[in-house]
Amino acid sequence: MTALCIAVAGAVLATVPVPDGSFTLAWRHSVEKTWWREDYRFEADGRLRLVRASVEGSGAGMDPPASARPEGTAWVWSPDMVLPELRLAGSGFGGDYELCTASEGCRPLLPRHAVPDGGDGVTLAECNG
């Protein structure tokens, strides 16, 4: 079974099962206070493929690309980007990151005190072994 490792400063703080190999990361934009969501899928080699992104509205450096289409209250597009891991910066101005999986539903990624402000606070990657 595929699992997602959540690490801070190189130390794994949590492991989340992702039986279908996919998860969604969501957060509120620090200025606009609207939701941003990204859907990821693990590739066979353990890399993460960003398959879908959406944002509710635009402005403050979060304009959707020209390929985005309206869907409900959000703009949705398919970036099709592959990453070896996902690095997330902490910010005292935005909300907490939310992690959604088919097996566990949606929950805060980590408690706020576990995510340092600035830099690459949290790393998400496939667990090895």
Protein backbone atom coordinates (compact mmCIF):
# COMPACT_ATOMS: atom_id res chain seq x y z
CA MET A 1 0.00 0.00 0.00
CA THR A 2 1.19 3.51 -0.77
CA ALA A 3 1.72 5.86 2.15
CA LEU A 4 2.43 9.57 2.35
CA CYS A 5 5.20 10.69 4.72
CA ILE A 6 4.86 14.12 6.27
CA ALA A 7 8.21 15.47 7.46
CA VAL A 8 9.48 18.64 9.11
CA ALA A 9 13.22 19.37 9.05
CA GLY A 10 13.85 15.85 7.74
CA ALA A 11 12.03 14.09 10.58
CA VAL A 12 8.88 12.15 9.66
CA LEU A 13 6.07 13.34 11.93
CA ALA A 14 3.20 11.41 10.36
CA THR A 15 2.47 8.66 7.86
CA VAL A 16 -0.89 8.65 6.09
CA PRO A 17 -2.13 5.65 4.07
CA VAL A 18 -3.21 6.49 0.53
CA PRO A 19 -4.55 3.17 -0.77
CA ASP A 20 -5.63 4.63 -4.12
CA GLY A 21 -2.33 6.53 -4.51
CA SER A 22 -3.89 9.99 -4.53
CA PHE A 23 -4.55 12.87 -2.16
CA THR A 24 -5.71 16.49 -2.15
CA LEU A 25 -3.93 19.36 -0.45
CA ALA A 26 -6.02 22.47 0.31
CA TRP A 27 -5.42 25.80 2.02
CA ARG A 28 -6.83 29.31 2.27
CA HIS A 29 -4.89 32.01 0.46
CA SER A 30 -3.21 34.33 2.98
CA VAL A 31 -4.57 37.55 1.43
CA GLU A 32 -7.73 36.65 -0.49
CA LYS A 33 -8.91 34.04 2.09
CA THR A 34 -10.25 31.81 -0.70
CA TRP A 35 -9.60 28.07 -1.08
CA TRP A 36 -6.80 26.69 -3.23
CA ARG A 37 -6.80 22.93 -3.89
CA GLU A 38 -4.32 20.64 -5.60
CA ASP A 39 -4.90 16.97 -6.43
CA TYR A 40 -1.84 14.71 -6.51
CA ARG A 41 -1.27 11.12 -7.58
CA PHE A 42 1.77 8.93 -6.92
CA GLU A 43 3.58 7.69 -10.02
CA ALA A 44 5.00 4.14 -10.13
CA ASP A 45 8.46 5.57 -9.34
CA GLY A 46 7.20 7.37 -6.19
CA ARG A 47 7.15 10.87 -7.66
CA LEU A 48 4.09 13.09 -7.23
CA ARG A 49 2.03 14.14 -10.23
CA LEU A 50 -0.07 17.29 -9.83
CA VAL A 51 -3.13 16.36 -11.87
CA ARG A 52 -5.63 19.08 -10.99
CA ALA A 53 -5.63 22.49 -9.32
CA SER A 54 -8.42 24.87 -8.44
CA VAL A 55 -8.77 28.29 -6.87
CA GLU A 56 -11.87 30.18 -5.78
CA GLY A 57 -11.44 33.54 -7.45
CA SER A 58 -8.30 35.39 -8.44
CA GLY A 59 -6.11 38.26 -7.34
CA ALA A 60 -3.10 38.80 -5.04
CA GLY A 61 -0.76 36.68 -7.17
CA MET A 62 -3.12 33.75 -7.61
CA ASP A 63 -4.55 34.24 -11.08
CA PRO A 64 -5.50 30.97 -12.76
CA PRO A 65 -3.83 30.17 -16.09
CA ALA A 66 -5.54 30.75 -19.45
CA SER A 67 -6.38 27.02 -19.62
CA ALA A 68 -8.54 27.24 -16.45
CA ARG A 69 -12.27 26.73 -16.76
CA PRO A 70 -15.01 27.76 -14.33
CA GLU A 71 -16.45 24.91 -12.26
CA GLY A 72 -18.92 25.90 -9.55
CA THR A 73 -17.27 28.66 -7.49
CA ALA A 74 -13.71 27.83 -8.61
CA TRP A 75 -11.38 28.02 -11.59
CA VAL A 76 -10.02 24.54 -12.40
CA TRP A 77 -7.09 23.43 -14.57
CA SER A 78 -4.80 20.43 -15.15
CA PRO A 79 -1.14 21.43 -14.64
CA ASP A 80 0.26 17.88 -15.22
CA MET A 81 3.46 18.57 -13.28
CA VAL A 82 5.69 15.84 -11.75
CA LEU A 83 7.73 16.45 -8.58
CA PRO A 84 10.09 14.24 -6.56
CA GLU A 85 8.51 15.63 -3.37
CA LEU A 86 6.32 18.51 -2.33
CA ARG A 87 7.75 21.24 -0.08
CA LEU A 88 5.34 23.54 1.73
CA ALA A 89 6.21 26.82 3.40
CA GLY A 90 4.53 27.77 6.63
CA SER A 91 2.92 31.18 7.04
CA GLY A 92 1.37 32.82 10.04
CA PHE A 93 -0.86 34.79 7.66
CA GLY A 94 -2.67 31.88 5.99
CA GLY A 95 -4.74 29.04 7.31
CA ASP A 96 -3.60 25.53 8.00
CA TYR A 97 -3.02 23.09 5.18
CA GLU A 98 -5.72 20.44 4.88
CA LEU A 99 -4.99 16.91 3.64
CA CYS A 100 -7.75 14.82 2.07
CA THR A 101 -7.48 11.11 1.26
CA ALA A 102 -10.02 8.49 0.22
CA SER A 103 -9.21 6.42 3.31
CA GLU A 104 -9.23 9.15 5.97
CA GLY A 105 -11.28 12.03 4.56
CA CYS A 106 -10.08 15.59 5.21
CA ARG A 107 -8.10 16.76 8.24
CA PRO A 108 -5.46 19.35 9.14
CA LEU A 109 -2.12 18.34 7.64
CA LEU A 110 -0.28 18.97 10.93
CA PRO A 111 -1.01 21.02 14.04
CA ARG A 112 -0.09 24.67 13.41
CA HIS A 113 2.78 24.58 15.96
CA ALA A 114 4.46 21.79 13.93
CA VAL A 115 4.74 23.91 10.77
CA PRO A 116 7.49 26.54 11.05
CA ASP A 117 6.96 29.93 9.37
CA GLY A 118 8.92 30.58 6.17
CA GLY A 119 11.24 28.32 4.22
CA ASP A 120 10.37 24.76 3.35
CA GLY A 121 8.52 23.89 6.54
CA VAL A 122 6.90 20.60 5.54
CA THR A 123 7.89 17.96 3.00
CA LEU A 124 5.39 15.47 1.54
CA ALA A 125 6.72 12.38 -0.23
CA GLU A 126 6.06 8.71 -0.69
CA CYS A 127 7.30 6.69 2.27
CA ASN A 128 10.17 4.40 1.40
CA GLY A 129 9.82 0.92 2.85
